[in-house]
Structure formats: structure tokens, C-alpha cells
Protein backbone atom coordinates (compact mmCIF):
# COMPACT_ATOMS: atom_id res chain seq x y z
CA UNK A 1 87.51 48.09 152.57
CA UNK A 2 91.30 48.29 152.29
CA UNK A 3 91.40 45.00 150.35
CA UNK A 4 88.93 46.36 147.76
CA UNK A 5 90.84 49.64 147.46
CA UNK A 6 94.15 47.81 147.08
CA UNK A 7 92.77 45.40 144.48
CA UNK A 8 91.23 48.28 142.52
CA UNK A 9 94.51 50.18 142.56
CA UNK A 10 96.57 47.17 141.45
CA UNK A 11 94.04 46.34 138.71
CA UNK A 12 94.28 49.87 137.28
CA UNK A 13 98.07 49.71 137.42
CA UNK A 14 98.05 46.28 135.74
CA UNK A 15 95.81 47.49 132.90
CA UNK A 16 97.85 50.65 132.40
CA UNK A 17 101.14 48.71 132.40
CA UNK A 18 99.75 46.14 129.95
CA UNK A 19 98.51 48.85 127.59
CA UNK A 20 101.83 50.68 127.70
CA UNK A 21 103.90 47.52 127.22
CA UNK A 22 101.69 46.29 124.37
CA UNK A 23 102.07 49.59 122.53
CA UNK A 24 105.78 49.64 123.23
CA UNK A 25 106.25 46.06 122.02
CA UNK A 26 104.13 46.64 118.92
CA UNK A 27 105.94 49.85 117.98
CA UNK A 28 109.01 48.07 116.61
CA UNK A 29 107.32 45.38 114.44
CA UNK A 30 104.70 47.84 113.13
CA UNK A 31 107.34 50.40 112.17
CA UNK A 32 109.41 47.65 110.50
CA UNK A 33 106.34 46.38 108.61
CA UNK A 34 105.40 49.88 107.45
CA UNK A 35 108.99 50.46 106.38
CA UNK A 36 108.91 47.29 104.25
CA UNK A 37 105.57 48.36 102.73
CA UNK A 38 107.04 51.77 101.79
CA UNK A 39 110.12 50.12 100.21
CA UNK A 40 107.87 47.67 98.32
CA UNK A 41 105.72 50.52 96.95
CA UNK A 42 108.83 52.44 95.89
CA UNK A 43 110.24 49.35 94.18
CA UNK A 44 106.96 48.74 92.31
CA UNK A 45 106.52 52.33 91.12
CA UNK A 46 110.23 52.93 90.57
CA UNK A 47 110.73 49.63 88.81
CA UNK A 48 107.82 50.41 86.53
CA UNK A 49 109.29 53.84 85.69
CA UNK A 50 112.74 52.35 85.01
CA UNK A 51 111.87 49.10 83.20
CA UNK A 52 108.47 49.74 81.57
CA UNK A 53 108.01 53.48 81.02
CA UNK A 54 111.77 54.18 80.93
CA UNK A 55 111.12 57.68 82.30
CA UNK A 56 113.60 57.33 85.20
CA UNK A 57 117.33 56.56 84.81
CA UNK A 58 118.45 53.47 86.82
CA UNK A 59 121.15 55.44 88.69
CA UNK A 60 118.56 58.03 89.82
CA UNK A 61 116.29 55.21 91.01
CA UNK A 62 119.13 53.78 93.15
CA UNK A 63 119.75 57.23 94.66
CA UNK A 64 116.04 57.60 95.56
CA UNK A 65 115.98 54.14 97.15
CA UNK A 66 119.07 54.91 99.23
CA UNK A 67 117.56 58.22 100.32
CA UNK A 68 114.28 56.54 101.28
CA UNK A 69 116.14 53.92 103.34
CA UNK A 70 118.14 56.60 105.18
CA UNK A 71 114.93 58.51 106.00
CA UNK A 72 113.05 55.42 107.22
CA UNK A 73 115.67 54.42 109.82
CA UNK A 74 115.42 57.61 111.96
CA UNK A 75 111.64 57.73 111.38
CA UNK A 76 111.35 54.28 113.02
CA UNK A 77 113.59 55.44 115.88
CA UNK A 78 111.27 58.41 116.49
CA UNK A 79 108.26 56.11 116.87
CA UNK A 80 110.15 54.06 119.49
CA UNK A 81 111.36 57.15 121.31
CA UNK A 82 107.87 58.64 121.56
CA UNK A 83 106.94 56.15 124.30
CA UNK A 84 110.00 57.13 126.32
CA UNK A 85 109.04 60.79 125.91
CA UNK A 86 105.50 60.08 127.15
CA UNK A 87 106.84 58.25 130.20
CA UNK A 88 109.28 61.11 130.82
CA UNK A 89 106.49 63.68 130.60
CA UNK A 90 104.42 61.75 133.13
CA UNK A 91 107.40 61.54 135.51
CA UNK A 92 108.16 65.25 135.00
CA UNK A 93 104.57 66.16 135.87
CA UNK A 94 104.83 64.28 139.16
CA UNK A 95 108.19 65.87 140.02
CA UNK A 96 107.04 69.38 139.09
CA UNK A 97 103.86 68.92 141.11
CA UNK A 98 106.02 68.39 144.20
CA UNK A 99 108.49 71.17 143.35
CA UNK A 100 105.73 73.69 142.70
CA UNK A 101 103.76 72.86 145.84
CA UNK A 102 103.74 75.93 148.05
CA UNK A 103 104.97 75.46 151.60
CA UNK A 104 102.35 76.02 154.28
CA UNK A 105 105.08 77.39 156.56
CA UNK A 106 105.86 80.94 155.48
CA UNK A 107 107.57 83.99 156.92
CA UNK A 108 105.50 86.79 158.37
CA UNK A 109 105.83 90.10 156.56
CA UNK A 110 107.39 91.54 159.70
CA UNK A 111 109.65 88.52 160.40
CA UNK A 112 112.89 89.48 162.09
CA UNK A 113 116.41 88.28 161.35
CA UNK A 114 118.02 86.62 164.37
CA UNK A 115 121.77 86.12 164.09
CA UNK A 116 122.72 84.78 167.52
CA UNK A 117 121.54 82.54 170.36
CA UNK A 118 122.01 84.00 173.83
CA UNK A 119 119.90 82.40 176.57
CA UNK A 120 117.48 79.50 176.06
CA UNK A 121 114.98 77.63 173.93
CA UNK A 122 111.55 77.58 175.57
CA UNK A 123 108.66 75.27 174.66
CA UNK A 124 105.57 76.47 176.52
CA UNK A 125 102.51 74.19 176.82
CA UNK A 126 102.69 73.18 173.15
CA UNK A 127 100.24 70.76 171.57
CA UNK A 128 100.45 69.31 168.08
CA UNK A 129 98.62 66.82 165.88
CA UNK A 130 99.29 65.65 162.32
CA UNK A 131 95.68 64.69 161.59
CA UNK A 132 93.17 63.72 164.26
CA UNK A 133 95.20 62.33 167.17
CA UNK A 134 97.34 64.57 169.35
CA UNK A 135 101.04 63.71 169.16
CA UNK A 136 102.06 66.22 171.84
CA UNK A 137 99.82 67.62 174.57
CA UNK A 138 100.65 70.55 176.87
CA UNK A 139 104.37 69.85 176.50
CA UNK A 140 106.75 72.29 178.21
CA UNK A 141 110.54 72.27 178.24
CA UNK A 142 113.38 74.74 178.70
CA UNK A 143 116.76 74.15 177.07
CA UNK A 144 119.35 76.58 178.51
CA UNK A 145 122.26 77.69 176.35
CA UNK A 146 125.22 75.29 176.51
CA UNK A 147 123.21 72.35 177.88
CA UNK A 148 122.48 68.93 176.39
CA UNK A 149 118.88 67.76 176.69
CA UNK A 150 117.98 64.21 175.64
CA UNK A 151 114.48 63.08 174.67
CA UNK A 152 113.74 59.37 175.08
CA UNK A 153 110.68 57.17 174.86
CA UNK A 154 108.98 54.46 172.88
CA UNK A 155 108.33 54.88 169.15
CA UNK A 156 105.42 57.24 168.57
CA UNK A 157 105.92 59.16 171.82
CA UNK A 158 106.53 62.44 169.94
CA UNK A 159 110.33 62.76 170.09
CA UNK A 160 110.99 63.40 166.39
CA UNK A 161 107.96 65.71 166.23
CA UNK A 162 109.73 68.06 168.63
CA UNK A 163 112.70 68.26 166.23
CA UNK A 164 110.31 69.07 163.37
CA UNK A 165 108.65 71.79 165.42
CA UNK A 166 111.92 73.38 166.56
CA UNK A 167 113.07 73.71 162.94
CA UNK A 168 109.57 74.85 161.86
CA UNK A 169 108.97 72.06 159.41
CA UNK A 170 105.56 72.20 161.13
CA UNK A 171 103.89 74.82 163.33
CA UNK A 172 102.41 74.03 166.73
CA UNK A 173 98.62 73.91 167.07
CA UNK A 174 98.72 75.37 170.57
CA UNK A 175 101.35 77.03 172.73
CA UNK A 176 104.59 78.74 171.69
CA UNK A 177 108.21 77.90 170.97
CA UNK A 178 110.61 80.75 171.59
CA UNK A 179 114.34 81.40 171.32
CA UNK A 180 115.69 84.05 173.70
CA UNK A 181 112.09 85.06 174.37
CA UNK A 182 111.20 85.56 170.68
CA UNK A 183 108.48 83.36 169.20
CA UNK A 184 110.05 81.37 166.35
CA UNK A 185 107.05 82.32 164.17
CA UNK A 186 108.33 85.91 164.36
CA UNK A 187 111.81 84.88 163.15
CA UNK A 188 112.52 84.44 159.44
CA UNK A 189 112.87 80.79 158.44
CA UNK A 190 116.31 81.36 156.94
CA UNK A 191 117.77 82.94 160.06
CA UNK A 192 116.01 80.43 162.37
CA UNK A 193 117.47 77.45 160.52
CA UNK A 194 120.88 79.11 160.25
CA UNK A 195 121.02 78.87 164.07
CA UNK A 196 120.50 75.10 163.94
CA UNK A 197 122.35 72.04 162.73
CA UNK A 198 120.30 68.91 162.12
CA UNK A 199 121.68 65.36 162.00
CA UNK A 200 119.12 62.60 161.42
CA UNK A 201 119.34 58.81 161.09
CA UNK A 202 118.90 59.19 157.30
CA UNK A 203 122.03 60.81 155.89
CA UNK A 204 121.02 63.13 153.05
CA UNK A 205 123.94 63.20 150.62
CA UNK A 206 124.08 64.13 146.93
CA UNK A 207 125.80 62.74 143.84
CA UNK A 208 128.78 65.02 144.29
CA UNK A 209 132.23 65.05 145.84
CA UNK A 210 132.88 64.91 149.58
CA UNK A 211 133.82 68.59 149.40
CA UNK A 212 130.68 69.50 147.42
CA UNK A 213 128.43 67.82 150.00
CA UNK A 214 130.09 69.65 152.89
CA UNK A 215 130.04 73.05 151.19
CA UNK A 216 126.22 72.96 151.31
CA UNK A 217 126.59 73.98 154.96
CA UNK A 218 129.10 76.76 154.32
CA UNK A 219 129.79 77.81 150.73
CA UNK A 220 132.79 79.95 151.70
CA UNK A 221 134.63 77.28 153.71
CA UNK A 222 138.28 76.66 152.85
CA UNK A 223 139.75 73.20 152.28
CA UNK A 224 141.54 73.51 155.63
CA UNK A 225 138.19 74.14 157.38
CA UNK A 226 136.65 71.16 155.56
CA UNK A 227 139.48 68.86 156.64
CA UNK A 228 139.21 70.11 160.23
CA UNK A 229 135.45 69.40 160.23
CA UNK A 230 136.14 65.90 158.87
CA UNK A 231 138.64 65.30 161.68
CA UNK A 232 136.13 66.38 164.34
CA UNK A 233 133.58 63.98 162.80
CA UNK A 234 136.08 61.07 162.73
CA UNK A 235 135.69 61.06 158.94
CA UNK A 236 139.13 62.23 157.81
CA UNK A 237 140.57 58.78 158.50
CA UNK A 238 138.61 57.22 155.62
CA UNK A 239 138.25 60.31 153.41
CA UNK A 240 142.01 60.76 153.04
CA UNK A 241 142.25 57.21 151.66
CA UNK A 242 139.58 57.74 148.99
CA UNK A 243 140.96 57.80 145.40
CA UNK A 244 140.82 61.61 145.17
CA UNK A 245 140.42 62.52 148.83
CA UNK A 246 137.81 65.23 149.41
CA UNK A 247 137.40 65.54 145.63
CA UNK A 248 136.09 61.95 145.31
CA UNK A 249 132.52 61.54 144.03
CA UNK A 250 130.47 59.52 146.54
CA UNK A 251 127.64 58.44 144.17
CA UNK A 252 123.86 58.77 144.42
CA UNK A 253 122.88 59.30 148.06
CA UNK A 254 126.47 58.44 148.99
CA UNK A 255 126.03 54.82 147.87
CA UNK A 256 129.80 54.37 147.53
CA UNK A 257 130.12 54.74 151.30
CA UNK A 258 129.02 52.64 154.27
CA UNK A 259 126.23 53.74 156.62
CA UNK A 260 128.69 54.86 159.28
CA UNK A 261 130.80 56.79 156.77
CA UNK A 262 127.73 58.60 155.42
CA UNK A 263 126.63 59.52 158.92
CA UNK A 264 130.07 60.90 159.77
CA UNK A 265 129.97 63.07 156.62
CA UNK A 266 126.59 64.42 157.78
CA UNK A 267 128.15 65.26 161.14
CA UNK A 268 131.13 66.92 159.42
CA UNK A 269 128.69 69.04 157.43
CA UNK A 270 126.97 70.13 160.64
CA UNK A 271 130.37 70.92 162.21
CA UNK A 272 131.34 73.02 159.18
CA UNK A 273 128.11 75.00 159.52
CA UNK A 274 129.09 75.67 163.15
CA UNK A 275 125.58 76.49 164.49
CA UNK A 276 124.98 77.34 168.16
CA UNK A 277 122.12 74.80 168.40
CA UNK A 278 122.43 71.12 167.42
CA UNK A 279 119.46 68.80 166.93
CA UNK A 280 120.33 65.10 166.71
CA UNK A 281 117.43 62.87 165.70
CA UNK A 282 118.38 59.24 166.42
CA UNK A 283 121.68 59.80 164.62
CA UNK A 284 123.13 56.39 165.57
CA UNK A 285 120.04 54.15 165.54
CA UNK A 286 120.73 52.50 162.15
CA UNK A 287 124.44 51.76 162.70
CA UNK A 288 126.42 48.70 163.74
CA UNK A 289 128.37 48.72 167.01
CA UNK A 290 131.73 49.83 165.55
CA UNK A 291 130.18 52.59 163.43
CA UNK A 292 128.08 53.71 166.38
CA UNK A 293 131.20 54.07 168.53
CA UNK A 294 132.92 56.27 165.94
CA UNK A 295 129.80 58.34 165.27
CA UNK A 296 129.03 58.76 168.97
CA UNK A 297 132.58 59.95 169.60
CA UNK A 298 132.16 62.45 166.74
CA UNK A 299 128.84 63.65 168.15
CA UNK A 300 130.33 64.21 171.60
CA UNK A 301 133.13 66.31 170.08
CA UNK A 302 130.61 68.30 168.07
CA UNK A 303 128.31 68.97 171.04
CA UNK A 304 131.05 70.55 173.14
CA UNK A 305 130.20 74.20 173.92
CA UNK A 306 126.92 73.91 172.01
CA UNK A 307 123.27 73.69 172.97
CA UNK A 308 122.08 70.23 171.97
CA UNK A 309 118.70 68.52 171.74
CA UNK A 310 119.31 64.79 171.37
CA UNK A 311 116.55 62.40 170.34
CA UNK A 312 117.86 59.01 171.38
CA UNK A 313 116.93 55.47 170.46
CA UNK A 314 119.96 53.82 172.04
CA UNK A 315 120.10 54.99 175.64
CA UNK A 316 123.82 54.25 175.91
CA UNK A 317 124.42 57.43 173.90
CA UNK A 318 122.84 59.93 176.31
CA UNK A 319 124.10 58.96 179.78
CA UNK A 320 126.07 62.22 180.10
CA UNK A 321 123.19 64.53 179.12
CA UNK A 322 122.45 67.43 181.48
CA UNK A 323 118.76 66.53 181.39
CA UNK A 324 116.95 63.42 180.17
CA UNK A 325 113.25 63.86 179.37
CA UNK A 326 111.16 60.68 179.15
CA UNK A 327 108.07 60.92 176.93
CA UNK A 328 105.04 58.69 176.66
CA UNK A 329 102.09 59.44 174.36
CA UNK A 330 103.19 63.05 173.89
CA UNK A 331 103.59 63.88 177.57
CA UNK A 332 106.55 64.08 179.95
CA UNK A 333 106.43 61.22 182.44
CA UNK A 334 109.91 61.65 183.95
CA UNK A 335 112.91 63.93 183.74
CA UNK A 336 116.29 64.16 185.41
CA UNK A 337 119.85 62.92 185.01
CA UNK A 338 120.74 59.36 184.10
CA UNK A 339 121.55 58.14 187.60
CA UNK A 340 118.58 59.95 189.18
CA UNK A 341 116.15 58.31 186.77
CA UNK A 342 117.67 54.87 187.32
CA UNK A 343 117.17 55.25 191.08
CA UNK A 344 113.48 56.10 190.55
CA UNK A 345 113.00 52.70 188.85
CA UNK A 346 110.29 54.16 186.63
CA UNK A 347 109.76 54.33 182.86
CA UNK A 348 113.38 55.24 182.08
CA UNK A 349 114.63 52.36 184.22
CA UNK A 350 112.35 49.99 182.27
CA UNK A 351 113.67 51.30 178.93
CA UNK A 352 117.25 50.83 180.12
CA UNK A 353 116.49 47.31 181.31
CA UNK A 354 114.99 46.44 177.92
CA UNK A 355 118.20 47.53 176.23
CA UNK A 356 120.32 45.66 178.81
CA UNK A 357 122.25 48.78 179.73
CA UNK A 358 124.31 48.40 182.86
């Protein structure tokens, strides 16, 4: 079934690409040929008028020929450009389709504005599924203010889903998530997300300067505040040596920087936002050992005096968490502190053993 669908899709793409390329390749020779035909017709008629009928002065004929040649050159360029315009229109349609898609997550008319975090985040018997299979089932967790809670487990156990639900990228199917006793569905999206800083394994950076990327978090931040955030994130060390410091352009998606440098800029942006709640979704999983050490040190500085939910791939990064929650197939199988869970010799102990963590 999949093979037939894949072959059908590739065949349609092949035919479309061939048609487009054939037209594109034929555009130039056809326009050149038609240009020669036009010049030949002008020469025949004009030559007849100059040499036979003598109704057109030779100098006027030369002017007309020069004018015709100057008109034909841009006319041929237009025919070539039309294919680029068609491709651009098709791309624009796809982009606009995404941009104009309405979000399914919307504010209630009576949504409140919450400006502070006072007590705890509470997840009460929540269940969630993307399509048919449940990703989380009857999951409950309390995250008190000022604590660090780590979520660990195999891939597909539902860890990242919890981050998506806390930030309301998705809504739960069952149960409630509340902050200080208020259901997050009753809080406006803008104020809810203003309480949270999110650092993921994929650093989202834009083709702008270091300063421009950090100001996304806080448009009114001064250069001194930006530099301080960079220092907390262990990023100032390399930023100050860039050609123009914080005014250096970092390229598309930060492609002028290494993975560790990009991640530290993401952390600096979260520090500059200064939210009371931090959500870290496998922030060090894609880094080498040296970069991980620098990023982990930056994360620990950032999490001081903040409420943190840490989704961890490398268990070496969450040994000091106040509570470690072990998930399997969307359910909690163990929870406790690092040493307590090791002594149980259960699922967490097995995960640690697999990663050769002493």
C-alpha cells in the first residue's frame, strides 16, 4: 500500500518536474528563434521599402532596426522570468496557506491576564492523544514554586508532550492543568506564555544580529542587560570575539555559529526574558561533551531561584533535581530523588546503567 502510494507520488513529481524543465529549457531557444524571425521579417519589408520602393530613408530604417532590437531583448527576458514567477506564486501559496491557517488554540472571551506565579503548577489526571493512541493517561504532577522537576524516560514516553501542554501548544483531552489554582485555559495565551521560558534542543534563531535575536524576548532590554544575560549563559566569551560583538549577524538559523553557541544564545534569550517558570526540553541532547558542559553550567545558573521543568535525555544533567519523574508509555512508573531511585534499582536505575552513569 505504502509502496504504491510512494511510487504514485514520485511519478507525479517526476512528470511535473519534467514538464516544468522542458518548458524552461525551451523558453530560451524559442524566444531566440522568434526574435530572429522578427528581425528577418523587418529586414525583408524594410529592405524592400529602402531599396525597391524607396519610400523609407536608409537612416530611418537603421533607427527602426535598432529600436526593434532593443525591444526584443527585454521581451525575451520576460518570457524567461515568467517561469520563475510561476514557481514563486506556487511557493507563496504554500507559505500563505500555513500563515493563514487559524490556530485551534484560542483565548476564551473571558480569559484573564495573569502577571505572576505564586504557588505551584498542578497537572491533575490529564490524558492526551495526538490521533488514536493515548500519549499520556491519567498523569498527575505538582511542581511547587522554586523547585526543579525532571522528566525522564524512553523516547515516546510523553515527556515533550508535557512541555507542549504546559505552554498550550495543545490542549489536554481530559483533566486540567492549573497555575496557582487557575486552569490555564482560563488564562490568556499571551500572559500564560509570558510566565514561561522555553529552551528546546532545536535552537530557533533568525537571520539577524546577536542583539536582534535576544531582543525578541525583551524588546526594551538595554545593551548592559543583554551582555549580562550572555554572561549567565556562558555566551559572552565567544560573542565578544565576534567581528562586531553583539551587532554581528549570525546568518540563517544561526548557521555562522556552532551548535553549542546557538544553544547558549537560546539560553541567553530565556535569561533576558526572566520568566518565573523555565521549561527545558532536552536542551543538551544534540551537543558534544564540551558544549554540553558549558550549556549545562549555563542552565544551572539560569534555573537558580526559578521553577523549572526539565525534560532530560542525558541523565547526567538532572542529578540535582528536587524530583525526578520516570515515565513509560505516558504513565509515571517511578519518582523521587536521584539517589533514592538508584537504590530502588528499577526503571531509572536501568536507564542510568544504559548511559553508564556512575
